[in-house]
PDB file of N, CA and C in Angstrom:
ATOM      1  N   MET A   1       0.432  -0.857  -0.379  1.00  0.00           N
ATOM      2  CA  MET A   1      -0.121   0.015   0.062  1.00  0.00           C
ATOM      3  C   MET A   1       0.944   1.355   0.115  1.00  0.00           C
ATOM      4  N   ILE A   2       0.469   1.906  -0.851  1.00  0.00           N
ATOM      5  CA  ILE A   2       1.454   3.349  -1.024  1.00  0.00           C
ATOM      6  C   ILE A   2      -0.201   4.851  -0.147  1.00  0.00           C
ATOM      7  N   GLU A   3       1.124   5.236   0.198  1.00  0.00           N
ATOM      8  CA  GLU A   3       0.119   6.214   0.759  1.00  0.00           C
ATOM      9  C   GLU A   3       0.290   7.772   0.377  1.00  0.00           C
ATOM     10  N   PRO A   4      -0.608   8.149   0.431  1.00  0.00           N
ATOM     11  CA  PRO A   4      -0.786   9.614  -0.608  1.00  0.00           C
ATOM     12  C   PRO A   4       0.800  10.319  -0.137  1.00  0.00           C
ATOM     13  N   SER A   5       0.415  11.703  -1.099  1.00  0.00           N
ATOM     14  CA  SER A   5       2.053  12.414  -0.999  1.00  0.00           C
ATOM     15  C   SER A   5       2.046  13.255  -0.370  1.00  0.00           C
ATOM     16  N   GLU A   6       0.813  13.748  -0.844  1.00  0.00           N
ATOM     17  CA  GLU A   6      -0.542  14.990  -0.431  1.00  0.00           C
ATOM     18  C   GLU A   6      -1.381  14.881   0.297  1.00  0.00           C
ATOM     19  N   LYS A   7      -2.190  15.758   1.416  1.00  0.00           N
ATOM     20  CA  LYS A   7      -3.125  15.698   1.841  1.00  0.00           C
ATOM     21  C   LYS A   7      -4.422  15.471   0.622  1.00  0.00           C
ATOM     22  N   GLY A   8      -5.147  14.266   1.232  1.00  0.00           N
ATOM     23  CA  GLY A   8      -6.919  14.323   0.923  1.00  0.00           C
ATOM     24  C   GLY A   8      -6.282  13.266  -0.390  1.00  0.00           C
ATOM     25  N   GLY A   9      -5.226  13.087  -0.526  1.00  0.00           N
ATOM     26  CA  GLY A   9      -4.915  11.882  -1.751  1.00  0.00           C
ATOM     27  C   GLY A   9      -5.625  10.596  -1.895  1.00  0.00           C
ATOM     28  N   ASP A  10      -5.203  10.349  -2.820  1.00  0.00           N
ATOM     29  CA  ASP A  10      -5.445   7.954  -2.964  1.00  0.00           C
ATOM     30  C   ASP A  10      -4.248   7.886  -2.127  1.00  0.00           C
ATOM     31  N   TYR A  11      -4.429   6.978  -1.580  1.00  0.00           N
ATOM     32  CA  TYR A  11      -4.154   5.449  -1.186  1.00  0.00           C
ATOM     33  C   TYR A  11      -3.551   4.355  -2.517  1.00  0.00           C
ATOM     34  N   VAL A  12      -2.706   3.810  -3.076  1.00  0.00           N
ATOM     35  CA  VAL A  12      -2.576   3.153  -3.885  1.00  0.00           C
ATOM     36  C   VAL A  12      -2.209   1.425  -3.076  1.00  0.00           C
ATOM     37  N   THR A  13      -3.097   0.400  -3.784  1.00  0.00           N
ATOM     38  CA  THR A  13      -2.706  -0.719  -3.603  1.00  0.00           C
ATOM     39  C   THR A  13      -1.820  -1.392  -4.490  1.00  0.00           C
ATOM     40  N   VAL A  14      -0.484  -1.781  -4.505  1.00  0.00           N
ATOM     41  CA  VAL A  14      -0.493  -2.060  -5.909  1.00  0.00           C
ATOM     42  C   VAL A  14      -0.052  -3.682  -5.903  1.00  0.00           C
ATOM     43  N   VAL A  15      -1.005  -4.837  -6.716  1.00  0.00           N
ATOM     44  CA  VAL A  15      -0.937  -6.196  -6.397  1.00  0.00           C
ATOM     45  C   VAL A  15      -0.527  -6.924  -7.738  1.00  0.00           C
ATOM     46  N   THR A  16       0.966  -7.452  -7.663  1.00  0.00           N
ATOM     47  CA  THR A  16       1.714  -8.237  -9.268  1.00  0.00           C
ATOM     48  C   THR A  16       1.097 -10.016  -8.852  1.00  0.00           C
ATOM     49  N   LEU A  17       1.103 -10.600  -9.751  1.00  0.00           N
ATOM     50  CA  LEU A  17       0.976 -11.886 -10.199  1.00  0.00           C
ATOM     51  C   LEU A  17       1.936 -12.188 -11.217  1.00  0.00           C
ATOM     52  N   ASP A  18       2.127 -13.572 -11.124  1.00  0.00           N
ATOM     53  CA  ASP A  18       3.284 -14.302 -11.978  1.00  0.00           C
ATOM     54  C   ASP A  18       2.352 -14.728 -13.320  1.00  0.00           C
ATOM     55  N   ASN A  19       1.384 -15.168 -13.247  1.00  0.00           N
ATOM     56  CA  ASN A  19       0.713 -15.355 -15.204  1.00  0.00           C
ATOM     57  C   ASN A  19      -1.220 -14.837 -14.556  1.00  0.00           C
ATOM     58  N   TYR A  20      -1.739 -14.653 -16.193  1.00  0.00           N
ATOM     59  CA  TYR A  20      -3.164 -14.406 -15.977  1.00  0.00           C
ATOM     60  C   TYR A  20      -4.080 -15.504 -15.083  1.00  0.00           C
ATOM     61  N   GLN A  21      -4.006 -16.395 -15.390  1.00  0.00           N
ATOM     62  CA  GLN A  21      -4.721 -17.731 -14.436  1.00  0.00           C
ATOM     63  C   GLN A  21      -4.690 -17.403 -12.813  1.00  0.00           C
ATOM     64  N   HIS A  22      -3.333 -16.797 -12.384  1.00  0.00           N
ATOM     65  CA  HIS A  22      -3.350 -16.440 -11.161  1.00  0.00           C
ATOM     66  C   HIS A  22      -4.280 -15.173 -10.821  1.00  0.00           C
ATOM     67  N   TYR A  23      -3.968 -14.358 -11.914  1.00  0.00           N
ATOM     68  CA  TYR A  23      -4.764 -12.635 -11.619  1.00  0.00           C
ATOM     69  C   TYR A  23      -6.319 -12.933 -11.762  1.00  0.00           C
ATOM     70  N   ARG A  24      -6.748 -13.969 -12.215  1.00  0.00           N
ATOM     71  CA  ARG A  24      -8.342 -13.954 -12.598  1.00  0.00           C
ATOM     72  C   ARG A  24      -8.572 -14.393 -11.408  1.00  0.00           C
ATOM     73  N   HIS A  25      -7.709 -15.357 -11.193  1.00  0.00           N
ATOM     74  CA  HIS A  25      -8.139 -16.452  -9.365  1.00  0.00           C
ATOM     75  C   HIS A  25      -8.181 -15.501  -8.693  1.00  0.00           C
ATOM     76  N   TRP A  26      -7.491 -14.484  -8.281  1.00  0.00           N
ATOM     77  CA  TRP A  26      -7.572 -13.579  -7.095  1.00  0.00           C
ATOM     78  C   TRP A  26      -9.082 -12.483  -7.668  1.00  0.00           C
ATOM     79  N   GLU A  27      -9.317 -11.935  -8.373  1.00  0.00           N
ATOM     80  CA  GLU A  27     -10.313 -11.116  -8.873  1.00  0.00           C
ATOM     81  C   GLU A  27     -11.716 -12.122  -8.478  1.00  0.00           C
ATOM     82  N   GLU A  28     -11.545 -13.227  -8.885  1.00  0.00           N
ATOM     83  CA  GLU A  28     -12.733 -13.534  -8.481  1.00  0.00           C
ATOM     84  C   GLU A  28     -12.821 -14.682  -6.917  1.00  0.00           C
ATOM     85  N   SER A  29     -11.678 -14.243  -6.108  1.00  0.00           N
ATOM     86  CA  SER A  29     -11.706 -14.970  -5.593  1.00  0.00           C
ATOM     87  C   SER A  29     -13.119 -13.993  -4.162  1.00  0.00           C
ATOM     88  N   HIS A  30     -13.279 -14.908  -3.364  1.00  0.00           N
ATOM     89  CA  HIS A  30     -14.210 -14.581  -1.996  1.00  0.00           C
ATOM     90  C   HIS A  30     -13.131 -13.724  -0.909  1.00  0.00           C
ATOM     91  N   GLU A  31     -11.324 -13.924  -0.480  1.00  0.00           N
ATOM     92  CA  GLU A  31     -11.012 -13.227   0.142  1.00  0.00           C
ATOM     93  C   GLU A  31     -11.037 -11.856  -0.441  1.00  0.00           C
ATOM     94  N   ARG A  32     -10.577 -11.512  -1.917  1.00  0.00           N
ATOM     95  CA  ARG A  32     -10.368 -10.219  -2.309  1.00  0.00           C
ATOM     96  C   ARG A  32     -11.803  -9.591  -2.024  1.00  0.00           C
ATOM     97  N   HIS A  33     -13.222  -9.950  -2.534  1.00  0.00           N
ATOM     98  CA  HIS A  33     -14.615  -9.595  -2.538  1.00  0.00           C
ATOM     99  C   HIS A  33     -14.107  -8.751  -1.127  1.00  0.00           C
ATOM    100  N   GLN A  34     -14.274  -9.917   0.160  1.00  0.00           N
ATOM    101  CA  GLN A  34     -14.324  -9.558   1.279  1.00  0.00           C
ATOM    102  C   GLN A  34     -13.254  -8.094   1.869  1.00  0.00           C
ATOM    103  N   LEU A  35     -12.128  -8.219   1.118  1.00  0.00           N
ATOM    104  CA  LEU A  35     -11.376  -6.875   2.062  1.00  0.00           C
ATOM    105  C   LEU A  35     -11.758  -5.604   1.295  1.00  0.00           C
ATOM    106  N   LEU A  36     -12.523  -5.947  -0.194  1.00  0.00           N
ATOM    107  CA  LEU A  36     -12.754  -5.034  -0.656  1.00  0.00           C
ATOM    108  C   LEU A  36     -14.296  -4.356  -0.227  1.00  0.00           C
ATOM    109  N   GLU A  37     -15.218  -4.901   0.284  1.00  0.00           N
ATOM    110  CA  GLU A  37     -16.200  -4.454   1.343  1.00  0.00           C
ATOM    111  C   GLU A  37     -15.445  -3.984   2.482  1.00  0.00           C
ATOM    112  N   GLN A  38     -14.322  -4.899   3.123  1.00  0.00           N
ATOM    113  CA  GLN A  38     -14.217  -3.827   4.445  1.00  0.00           C
ATOM    114  C   GLN A  38     -13.927  -2.420   4.274  1.00  0.00           C
ATOM    115  N   THR A  39     -13.188  -2.477   3.208  1.00  0.00           N
ATOM    116  CA  THR A  39     -12.128  -0.905   2.668  1.00  0.00           C
ATOM    117  C   THR A  39     -13.235   0.049   1.935  1.00  0.00           C
ATOM    118  N   LYS A  40     -14.476  -0.688   1.667  1.00  0.00           N
ATOM    119  CA  LYS A  40     -15.487   0.768   1.693  1.00  0.00           C
ATOM    120  C   LYS A  40     -16.027   0.670   2.917  1.00  0.00           C
ATOM    121  N   GLU A  41     -16.005   0.133   4.339  1.00  0.00           N
ATOM    122  CA  GLU A  41     -16.968   0.407   5.314  1.00  0.00           C
ATOM    123  C   GLU A  41     -15.922   2.119   5.635  1.00  0.00           C
ATOM    124  N   ILE A  42     -14.832   1.779   5.766  1.00  0.00           N
ATOM    125  CA  ILE A  42     -14.100   3.158   6.291  1.00  0.00           C
ATOM    126  C   ILE A  42     -13.279   3.999   5.375  1.00  0.00           C
ATOM    127  N   SER A  43     -13.637   3.597   4.052  1.00  0.00           N
ATOM    128  CA  SER A  43     -13.416   4.934   3.209  1.00  0.00           C
ATOM    129  C   SER A  43     -14.632   5.707   3.320  1.00  0.00           C
ATOM    130  N   ALA A  44     -14.480   6.398   2.146  1.00  0.00           N
ATOM    131  CA  ALA A  44     -15.575   7.160   1.847  1.00  0.00           C
ATOM    132  C   ALA A  44     -16.027   6.895   0.456  1.00  0.00           C
ATOM    133  N   GLY A  45     -16.249   5.320   0.158  1.00  0.00           N
ATOM    134  CA  GLY A  45     -16.600   4.117  -0.715  1.00  0.00           C
ATOM    135  C   GLY A  45     -16.035   4.894  -2.213  1.00  0.00           C
ATOM    136  N   ASP A  46     -14.992   5.671  -2.463  1.00  0.00           N
ATOM    137  CA  ASP A  46     -14.704   5.955  -3.959  1.00  0.00           C
ATOM    138  C   ASP A  46     -13.756   4.961  -4.213  1.00  0.00           C
ATOM    139  N   ILE A  47     -14.015   3.514  -4.479  1.00  0.00           N
ATOM    140  CA  ILE A  47     -12.836   2.645  -4.670  1.00  0.00           C
ATOM    141  C   ILE A  47     -12.940   2.509  -6.407  1.00  0.00           C
ATOM    142  N   ARG A  48     -11.915   2.234  -6.644  1.00  0.00           N
ATOM    143  CA  ARG A  48     -11.502   2.293  -8.215  1.00  0.00           C
ATOM    144  C   ARG A  48     -11.060   1.266  -8.500  1.00  0.00           C
ATOM    145  N   SER A  49     -10.485   0.747  -9.266  1.00  0.00           N
ATOM    146  CA  SER A  49      -9.567  -0.531  -9.875  1.00  0.00           C
ATOM    147  C   SER A  49      -9.315  -0.184 -11.670  1.00  0.00           C
ATOM    148  N   GLU A  50      -8.146  -0.048 -11.046  1.00  0.00           N
ATOM    149  CA  GLU A  50      -7.108  -0.166 -12.663  1.00  0.00           C
ATOM    150  C   GLU A  50      -6.726  -1.247 -12.825  1.00  0.00           C
ATOM    151  N   GLN A  51      -6.369  -1.930 -14.765  1.00  0.00           N
ATOM    152  CA  GLN A  51      -4.721  -2.800 -14.165  1.00  0.00           C
ATOM    153  C   GLN A  51      -4.461  -2.414 -15.547  1.00  0.00           C
ATOM    154  N   PHE A  52      -3.069  -2.679 -15.250  1.00  0.00           N
ATOM    155  CA  PHE A  52      -2.155  -2.397 -15.929  1.00  0.00           C
ATOM    156  C   PHE A  52      -1.354  -3.570 -16.349  1.00  0.00           C
ATOM    157  N   VAL A  53      -0.784  -3.925 -17.776  1.00  0.00           N
ATOM    158  CA  VAL A  53      -0.291  -5.425 -18.052  1.00  0.00           C
ATOM    159  C   VAL A  53       0.643  -4.683 -19.165  1.00  0.00           C
ATOM    160  N   GLY A  54       1.766  -5.675 -18.543  1.00  0.00           N
ATOM    161  CA  GLY A  54       3.208  -5.459 -19.200  1.00  0.00           C
ATOM    162  C   GLY A  54       4.260  -4.297 -18.472  1.00  0.00           C
ATOM    163  N   LEU A  55       4.917  -3.700 -20.089  1.00  0.00           N
ATOM    164  CA  LEU A  55       5.284  -2.022 -19.597  1.00  0.00           C
ATOM    165  C   LEU A  55       3.833  -1.023 -20.281  1.00  0.00           C
ATOM    166  N   TYR A  56       2.930  -1.347 -20.136  1.00  0.00           N
ATOM    167  CA  TYR A  56       2.734   0.184 -20.377  1.00  0.00           C
ATOM    168  C   TYR A  56       2.093   0.828 -19.089  1.00  0.00           C
ATOM    169  N   HIS A  57       2.204   0.597 -18.138  1.00  0.00           N
ATOM    170  CA  HIS A  57       2.261   0.695 -16.651  1.00  0.00           C
ATOM    171  C   HIS A  57       3.127   2.256 -16.357  1.00  0.00           C
ATOM    172  N   PHE A  58       4.639   0.877 -16.628  1.00  0.00           N
ATOM    173  CA  PHE A  58       6.067   1.946 -16.651  1.00  0.00           C
ATOM    174  C   PHE A  58       6.268   3.385 -17.887  1.00  0.00           C
ATOM    175  N   LEU A  59       5.725   2.822 -18.755  1.00  0.00           N
ATOM    176  CA  LEU A  59       5.782   4.145 -20.003  1.00  0.00           C
ATOM    177  C   LEU A  59       4.273   4.894 -19.819  1.00  0.00           C
ATOM    178  N   GLY A  60       3.520   5.259 -18.927  1.00  0.00           N
ATOM    179  CA  GLY A  60       2.669   5.697 -18.742  1.00  0.00           C
ATOM    180  C   GLY A  60       1.784   6.125 -19.696  1.00  0.00           C
ATOM    181  N   ASN A  61       0.811   4.538 -20.532  1.00  0.00           N
ATOM    182  CA  ASN A  61       0.371   4.771 -21.815  1.00  0.00           C
ATOM    183  C   ASN A  61      -0.793   3.977 -21.065  1.00  0.00           C
ATOM    184  N   ARG A  62      -1.861   4.519 -20.351  1.00  0.00           N
ATOM    185  CA  ARG A  62      -3.064   4.345 -19.897  1.00  0.00           C
ATOM    186  C   ARG A  62      -3.650   3.061 -20.743  1.00  0.00           C
ATOM    187  N   ASP A  63      -3.815   3.751 -22.102  1.00  0.00           N
ATOM    188  CA  ASP A  63      -4.891   3.519 -23.024  1.00  0.00           C
ATOM    189  C   ASP A  63      -4.131   2.350 -23.884  1.00  0.00           C
ATOM    190  N   LYS A  64      -2.741   1.366 -23.931  1.00  0.00           N
ATOM    191  CA  LYS A  64      -2.605   0.432 -24.163  1.00  0.00           C
ATOM    192  C   LYS A  64      -1.915   1.137 -25.939  1.00  0.00           C
ATOM    193  N   ARG A  65      -1.500   1.844 -25.712  1.00  0.00           N
ATOM    194  CA  ARG A  65      -1.181   2.213 -27.435  1.00  0.00           C
ATOM    195  C   ARG A  65       0.380   1.555 -27.248  1.00  0.00           C
ATOM    196  N   TRP A  66       1.237   1.924 -28.431  1.00  0.00           N
ATOM    197  CA  TRP A  66       2.376   1.739 -28.696  1.00  0.00           C
ATOM    198  C   TRP A  66       3.044   2.683 -27.727  1.00  0.00           C
ATOM    199  N   PRO A  67       3.999   3.155 -26.882  1.00  0.00           N
ATOM    200  CA  PRO A  67       4.294   3.682 -26.319  1.00  0.00           C
ATOM    201  C   PRO A  67       4.990   5.129 -27.192  1.00  0.00           C
ATOM    202  N   PRO A  68       4.846   6.492 -26.971  1.00  0.00           N
ATOM    203  CA  PRO A  68       5.931   7.349 -27.857  1.00  0.00           C
ATOM    204  C   PRO A  68       7.045   7.380 -28.391  1.00  0.00           C
ATOM    205  N   ASP A  69       7.384   7.564 -29.287  1.00  0.00           N
ATOM    206  CA  ASP A  69       8.664   7.659 -29.956  1.00  0.00           C
ATOM    207  C   ASP A  69       9.688   7.818 -29.015  1.00  0.00           C
ATOM    208  N   TRP A  70       8.908   8.903 -28.103  1.00  0.00           N
ATOM    209  CA  TRP A  70      11.065   9.970 -27.433  1.00  0.00           C
ATOM    210  C   TRP A  70      10.808   8.622 -26.125  1.00  0.00           C
ATOM    211  N   ARG A  71       9.818   8.019 -25.939  1.00  0.00           N
ATOM    212  CA  ARG A  71       9.847   7.342 -24.636  1.00  0.00           C
ATOM    213  C   ARG A  71      10.789   6.039 -25.419  1.00  0.00           C
ATOM    214  N   MET A  72      10.701   5.705 -26.556  1.00  0.00           N
ATOM    215  CA  MET A  72      11.316   4.220 -27.051  1.00  0.00           C
ATOM    216  C   MET A  72      12.814   4.687 -27.136  1.00  0.00           C
ATOM    217  N   VAL A  73      13.001   6.027 -27.783  1.00  0.00           N
ATOM    218  CA  VAL A  73      14.322   6.407 -27.806  1.00  0.00           C
ATOM    219  C   VAL A  73      14.892   6.270 -26.545  1.00  0.00           C
ATOM    220  N   ILE A  74      14.287   6.939 -25.109  1.00  0.00           N
ATOM    221  CA  ILE A  74      14.858   6.888 -24.097  1.00  0.00           C
ATOM    222  C   ILE A  74      15.151   5.012 -23.675  1.00  0.00           C
ATOM    223  N   ILE A  75      14.241   4.709 -24.356  1.00  0.00           N
ATOM    224  CA  ILE A  75      14.500   2.972 -23.707  1.00  0.00           C
ATOM    225  C   ILE A  75      15.661   1.856 -24.554  1.00  0.00           C
ATOM    226  N   ALA A  76      15.609   2.618 -25.822  1.00  0.00           N
ATOM    227  CA  ALA A  76      16.619   1.590 -26.438  1.00  0.00           C
ATOM    228  C   ALA A  76      17.846   1.918 -25.943  1.00  0.00           C
ATOM    229  N   TYR A  77      18.205   3.502 -25.725  1.00  0.00           N
ATOM    230  CA  TYR A  77      19.287   4.385 -25.055  1.00  0.00           C
ATOM    231  C   TYR A  77      20.199   3.340 -24.024  1.00  0.00           C
ATOM    232  N   PHE A  78      19.285   3.456 -23.133  1.00  0.00           N
ATOM    233  CA  PHE A  78      19.446   3.244 -22.100  1.00  0.00           C
ATOM    234  C   PHE A  78      19.448   1.515 -21.768  1.00  0.00           C
ATOM    235  N   ALA A  79      18.553   0.674 -22.636  1.00  0.00           N
ATOM    236  CA  ALA A  79      18.300  -0.147 -22.131  1.00  0.00           C
ATOM    237  C   ALA A  79      19.569  -1.625 -23.390  1.00  0.00           C
ATOM    238  N   ILE A  80      19.531  -0.912 -24.200  1.00  0.00           N
ATOM    239  CA  ILE A  80      20.208  -1.571 -25.362  1.00  0.00           C
ATOM    240  C   ILE A  80      20.813  -1.038 -25.563  1.00  0.00           C
ATOM    241  N   TRP A  81      21.608   0.064 -26.079  1.00  0.00           N
ATOM    242  CA  TRP A  81      22.765   1.388 -26.669  1.00  0.00           C
ATOM    243  C   TRP A  81      24.290   0.005 -25.758  1.00  0.00           C
ATOM    244  N   PRO A  82      24.044  -0.266 -23.854  1.00  0.00           N
ATOM    245  CA  PRO A  82      25.239  -0.597 -23.355  1.00  0.00           C
ATOM    246  C   PRO A  82      25.404  -1.307 -23.723  1.00  0.00           C
ATOM    247  N   ASP A  83      24.201  -2.571 -24.005  1.00  0.00           N
ATOM    248  CA  ASP A  83      25.145  -3.668 -24.186  1.00  0.00           C
ATOM    249  C   ASP A  83      25.585  -4.129 -25.363  1.00  0.00           C
ATOM    250  N   VAL A  84      24.502  -3.177 -26.372  1.00  0.00           N
ATOM    251  CA  VAL A  84      25.787  -3.430 -27.713  1.00  0.00           C
ATOM    252  C   VAL A  84      27.935  -2.746 -27.542  1.00  0.00           C
ATOM    253  N   VAL A  85      27.189  -1.605 -26.812  1.00  0.00           N
ATOM    254  CA  VAL A  85      28.733  -1.480 -26.579  1.00  0.00           C
ATOM    255  C   VAL A  85      29.545  -2.173 -25.690  1.00  0.00           C
ATOM    256  N   GLU A  86      28.841  -2.529 -24.830  1.00  0.00           N
ATOM    257  CA  GLU A  86      30.063  -3.888 -23.842  1.00  0.00           C
ATOM    258  C   GLU A  86      29.774  -5.464 -24.666  1.00  0.00           C
ATOM    259  N   LEU A  87      29.365  -5.500 -25.521  1.00  0.00           N
ATOM    260  CA  LEU A  87      29.219  -7.166 -26.208  1.00  0.00           C
ATOM    261  C   LEU A  87      30.025  -7.015 -27.801  1.00  0.00           C
ATOM    262  N   GLN A  88      30.565  -5.726 -28.089  1.00  0.00           N
ATOM    263  CA  GLN A  88      30.827  -5.934 -29.617  1.00  0.00           C
ATOM    264  C   GLN A  88      32.764  -5.424 -28.636  1.00  0.00           C
ATOM    265  N   PRO A  89      33.563  -5.302 -28.777  1.00  0.00           N
ATOM    266  CA  PRO A  89      34.804  -5.995 -27.812  1.00  0.00           C
ATOM    267  C   PRO A  89      34.770  -7.572 -28.153  1.00  0.00           C
ATOM    268  N   LEU A  90      34.122  -8.061 -27.213  1.00  0.00           N
ATOM    269  CA  LEU A  90      34.112  -9.670 -26.840  1.00  0.00           C
ATOM    270  C   LEU A  90      33.782 -10.014 -28.753  1.00  0.00           C
ATOM    271  N   LEU A  91      32.458  -9.952 -29.004  1.00  0.00           N
ATOM    272  CA  LEU A  91      32.754 -10.427 -30.524  1.00  0.00           C
ATOM    273  C   LEU A  91      33.567 -10.237 -31.444  1.00  0.00           C
ATOM    274  N   PHE A  92      34.609  -9.075 -31.321  1.00  0.00           N
ATOM    275  CA  PHE A  92      35.204  -8.601 -32.965  1.00  0.00           C
ATOM    276  C   PHE A  92      37.435  -8.733 -32.516  1.00  0.00           C
TER     277      PHE A  92
END
């Protein structure tokens, strides 16, 4: 659970599961529904649920389209470029 950074902000609970079947099991579980009911009792009743899959959340792209080009350039630079530079001397 992540506390709000500002007064009156939203609390955020992050649930990470290893595969889709476990996610579906958790979404449909009795335990989850009980926890949501308990949360409604102590909150103002405004509970939202959002699902992010893969890198969409990391890239800030909530509508699940391909990320903007400038973000892909940054990812390529920091993720791919160092590998190429370090592996090149080993290959030649």
